[in-house]
Amino acid sequence: MTAQVISLEQRRAPRKRAAVSPLVTDAISARPLGHLCNVSASGVLLVGPDRPRSEAVFQVRLPLAGGPQGTTAIELGLQEQWHQAANADQVWVGYRIIAIAPQDALTLVQWLQRA
């Protein structure tokens, strides 16, 4: 098996690519973490300037564009699962969703279903 096939088999939920790449920010410090690449009901992929600490935990604000009210921001608790250099100035970072309010979870699921 190739690495790509193994990677696809490890995904627990279908991912939706972001039509635009909104900036995801730390909800506590307001520091940008990166731009959204894709999202699922269980995780997100960001590309950003900084390599996070392994297993770092963040509370983030994630804007979701294209909903009935335009752009809606939800808050998530994320934990870093892996990271890899994208180029000299950016890092791919995979996060697992570890906390989400029920209303934000519903908003995320509805947004994913509109794909």
C-alpha atoms as a PDB file:
ATOM      1  CA  MET A   1       0.000   0.000   0.000  1.00  0.00           C
ATOM      2  CA  THR A   2       1.112   3.493  -0.675  1.00  0.00           C
ATOM      3  CA  ALA A   3       1.354   6.185   2.005  1.00  0.00           C
ATOM      4  CA  GLN A   4      -1.568   8.015   0.386  1.00  0.00           C
ATOM      5  CA  VAL A   5      -3.867   4.980   0.638  1.00  0.00           C
ATOM      6  CA  ILE A   6      -2.899   4.407   4.268  1.00  0.00           C
ATOM      7  CA  SER A   7      -3.544   8.072   5.038  1.00  0.00           C
ATOM      8  CA  LEU A   8      -7.023   7.942   3.496  1.00  0.00           C
ATOM      9  CA  GLU A   9      -7.904   4.807   5.461  1.00  0.00           C
ATOM     10  CA  GLN A  10      -7.038   6.535   8.744  1.00  0.00           C
ATOM     11  CA  ARG A  11      -9.632   9.274   8.273  1.00  0.00           C
ATOM     12  CA  ARG A  12     -12.692   8.782  10.411  1.00  0.00           C
ATOM     13  CA  ALA A  13     -14.970  11.316   8.751  1.00  0.00           C
ATOM     14  CA  PRO A  14     -15.259  12.754   5.239  1.00  0.00           C
ATOM     15  CA  ARG A  15     -13.501  16.086   4.831  1.00  0.00           C
ATOM     16  CA  LYS A  16     -14.738  19.171   3.049  1.00  0.00           C
ATOM     17  CA  ARG A  17     -12.286  21.502   1.368  1.00  0.00           C
ATOM     18  CA  ALA A  18     -12.807  25.123   2.205  1.00  0.00           C
ATOM     19  CA  ALA A  19     -13.976  27.151  -0.816  1.00  0.00           C
ATOM     20  CA  VAL A  20     -12.071  30.060   0.704  1.00  0.00           C
ATOM     21  CA  SER A  21      -9.217  29.764   3.174  1.00  0.00           C
ATOM     22  CA  PRO A  22     -10.418  31.637   6.244  1.00  0.00           C
ATOM     23  CA  LEU A  23      -7.946  32.534   8.953  1.00  0.00           C
ATOM     24  CA  VAL A  24      -8.362  30.419  12.088  1.00  0.00           C
ATOM     25  CA  THR A  25      -7.420  32.269  15.268  1.00  0.00           C
ATOM     26  CA  ASP A  26      -6.666  31.344  18.847  1.00  0.00           C
ATOM     27  CA  ALA A  27      -9.817  32.450  20.704  1.00  0.00           C
ATOM     28  CA  ILE A  28      -7.841  33.325  23.830  1.00  0.00           C
ATOM     29  CA  SER A  29      -4.838  35.224  22.460  1.00  0.00           C
ATOM     30  CA  ALA A  30      -6.370  36.281  19.097  1.00  0.00           C
ATOM     31  CA  ARG A  31      -3.149  35.006  17.484  1.00  0.00           C
ATOM     32  CA  PRO A  32      -3.623  33.549  13.992  1.00  0.00           C
ATOM     33  CA  LEU A  33      -2.915  29.806  13.827  1.00  0.00           C
ATOM     34  CA  GLY A  34      -3.288  29.352  10.086  1.00  0.00           C
ATOM     35  CA  HIS A  35      -5.623  29.152   7.141  1.00  0.00           C
ATOM     36  CA  LEU A  36      -8.230  26.424   6.875  1.00  0.00           C
ATOM     37  CA  CYS A  37      -7.525  23.799   4.211  1.00  0.00           C
ATOM     38  CA  ASN A  38     -10.207  21.252   5.032  1.00  0.00           C
ATOM     39  CA  VAL A  39     -12.522  20.263   7.858  1.00  0.00           C
ATOM     40  CA  SER A  40     -14.551  17.262   9.002  1.00  0.00           C
ATOM     41  CA  ALA A  41     -16.803  16.555  11.962  1.00  0.00           C
ATOM     42  CA  SER A  42     -13.735  15.277  13.829  1.00  0.00           C
ATOM     43  CA  GLY A  43     -10.785  17.400  12.704  1.00  0.00           C
ATOM     44  CA  VAL A  44      -9.269  20.234  10.700  1.00  0.00           C
ATOM     45  CA  LEU A  45      -6.218  20.767   8.532  1.00  0.00           C
ATOM     46  CA  LEU A  46      -4.540  24.169   8.704  1.00  0.00           C
ATOM     47  CA  VAL A  47      -1.545  25.638   6.940  1.00  0.00           C
ATOM     48  CA  GLY A  48       0.244  28.297   8.919  1.00  0.00           C
ATOM     49  CA  PRO A  49       3.532  29.961   9.736  1.00  0.00           C
ATOM     50  CA  ASP A  50       4.329  28.216  13.042  1.00  0.00           C
ATOM     51  CA  ARG A  51       4.984  24.635  14.067  1.00  0.00           C
ATOM     52  CA  PRO A  52       2.917  23.892  17.168  1.00  0.00           C
ATOM     53  CA  ARG A  53       4.127  21.852  20.103  1.00  0.00           C
ATOM     54  CA  SER A  54       3.276  18.167  19.731  1.00  0.00           C
ATOM     55  CA  GLU A  55      -0.204  17.498  21.147  1.00  0.00           C
ATOM     56  CA  ALA A  56      -0.710  21.215  21.882  1.00  0.00           C
ATOM     57  CA  VAL A  57      -4.283  22.191  22.750  1.00  0.00           C
ATOM     58  CA  PHE A  58      -5.972  25.340  21.434  1.00  0.00           C
ATOM     59  CA  GLN A  59      -9.349  27.015  21.712  1.00  0.00           C
ATOM     60  CA  VAL A  60      -9.969  28.441  18.245  1.00  0.00           C
ATOM     61  CA  ARG A  61     -12.453  30.535  16.330  1.00  0.00           C
ATOM     62  CA  LEU A  62     -13.230  29.008  12.930  1.00  0.00           C
ATOM     63  CA  PRO A  63     -15.181  31.050  10.351  1.00  0.00           C
ATOM     64  CA  LEU A  64     -17.426  28.966   8.081  1.00  0.00           C
ATOM     65  CA  ALA A  65     -18.431  30.788   4.891  1.00  0.00           C
ATOM     66  CA  GLY A  66     -21.427  30.003   2.727  1.00  0.00           C
ATOM     67  CA  GLY A  67     -24.054  29.337   5.365  1.00  0.00           C
ATOM     68  CA  PRO A  68     -27.610  30.693   5.379  1.00  0.00           C
ATOM     69  CA  GLN A  69     -26.434  33.780   7.289  1.00  0.00           C
ATOM     70  CA  GLY A  70     -23.223  34.229   5.272  1.00  0.00           C
ATOM     71  CA  THR A  71     -20.146  33.565   7.399  1.00  0.00           C
ATOM     72  CA  THR A  72     -20.642  32.030  10.824  1.00  0.00           C
ATOM     73  CA  ALA A  73     -17.838  31.586  13.351  1.00  0.00           C
ATOM     74  CA  ILE A  74     -17.769  28.558  15.627  1.00  0.00           C
ATOM     75  CA  GLU A  75     -15.426  27.804  18.522  1.00  0.00           C
ATOM     76  CA  LEU A  76     -13.583  24.523  18.847  1.00  0.00           C
ATOM     77  CA  GLY A  77     -11.124  22.894  21.188  1.00  0.00           C
ATOM     78  CA  LEU A  78      -8.363  21.379  19.035  1.00  0.00           C
ATOM     79  CA  GLN A  79      -5.412  19.120  19.768  1.00  0.00           C
ATOM     80  CA  GLU A  80      -2.437  18.858  17.407  1.00  0.00           C
ATOM     81  CA  GLN A  81      -2.075  15.363  15.945  1.00  0.00           C
ATOM     82  CA  TRP A  82       0.700  15.850  13.410  1.00  0.00           C
ATOM     83  CA  HIS A  83       2.580  18.544  11.535  1.00  0.00           C
ATOM     84  CA  GLN A  84       4.799  18.629   8.462  1.00  0.00           C
ATOM     85  CA  ALA A  85       6.696  21.354   6.630  1.00  0.00           C
ATOM     86  CA  ALA A  86       4.717  22.634   3.626  1.00  0.00           C
ATOM     87  CA  ASN A  87       7.545  24.880   2.400  1.00  0.00           C
ATOM     88  CA  ALA A  88      10.224  27.103   3.948  1.00  0.00           C
ATOM     89  CA  ASP A  89       7.679  29.441   5.556  1.00  0.00           C
ATOM     90  CA  GLN A  90       4.636  27.260   6.258  1.00  0.00           C
ATOM     91  CA  VAL A  91       3.611  24.124   8.122  1.00  0.00           C
ATOM     92  CA  TRP A  92       0.693  21.739   7.544  1.00  0.00           C
ATOM     93  CA  VAL A  93      -0.970  20.906  10.865  1.00  0.00           C
ATOM     94  CA  GLY A  94      -3.626  18.270  11.476  1.00  0.00           C
ATOM     95  CA  TYR A  95      -5.844  18.819  14.512  1.00  0.00           C
ATOM     96  CA  ARG A  96      -8.445  16.639  16.195  1.00  0.00           C
ATOM     97  CA  ILE A  97     -11.576  18.313  17.561  1.00  0.00           C
ATOM     98  CA  ILE A  98     -11.664  17.618  21.287  1.00  0.00           C
ATOM     99  CA  ALA A  99     -14.385  20.053  22.393  1.00  0.00           C
ATOM    100  CA  ILE A 100     -17.304  21.769  20.693  1.00  0.00           C
ATOM    101  CA  ALA A 101     -20.532  23.255  22.024  1.00  0.00           C
ATOM    102  CA  PRO A 102     -23.704  21.440  20.900  1.00  0.00           C
ATOM    103  CA  GLN A 103     -24.929  24.420  18.831  1.00  0.00           C
ATOM    104  CA  ASP A 104     -21.525  24.796  17.144  1.00  0.00           C
ATOM    105  CA  ALA A 105     -21.463  21.039  16.431  1.00  0.00           C
ATOM    106  CA  LEU A 106     -24.866  21.334  14.757  1.00  0.00           C
ATOM    107  CA  THR A 107     -23.668  24.337  12.736  1.00  0.00           C
ATOM    108  CA  LEU A 108     -20.571  22.399  11.617  1.00  0.00           C
ATOM    109  CA  VAL A 109     -22.563  19.288  10.621  1.00  0.00           C
ATOM    110  CA  GLN A 110     -25.065  21.390   8.647  1.00  0.00           C
ATOM    111  CA  TRP A 111     -22.208  23.242   6.928  1.00  0.00           C
ATOM    112  CA  LEU A 112     -20.541  19.929   6.008  1.00  0.00           C
ATOM    113  CA  GLN A 113     -23.818  18.541   4.608  1.00  0.00           C
ATOM    114  CA  ARG A 114     -24.159  21.470   2.226  1.00  0.00           C
ATOM    115  CA  ALA A 115     -20.997  20.339   0.435  1.00  0.00           C
END
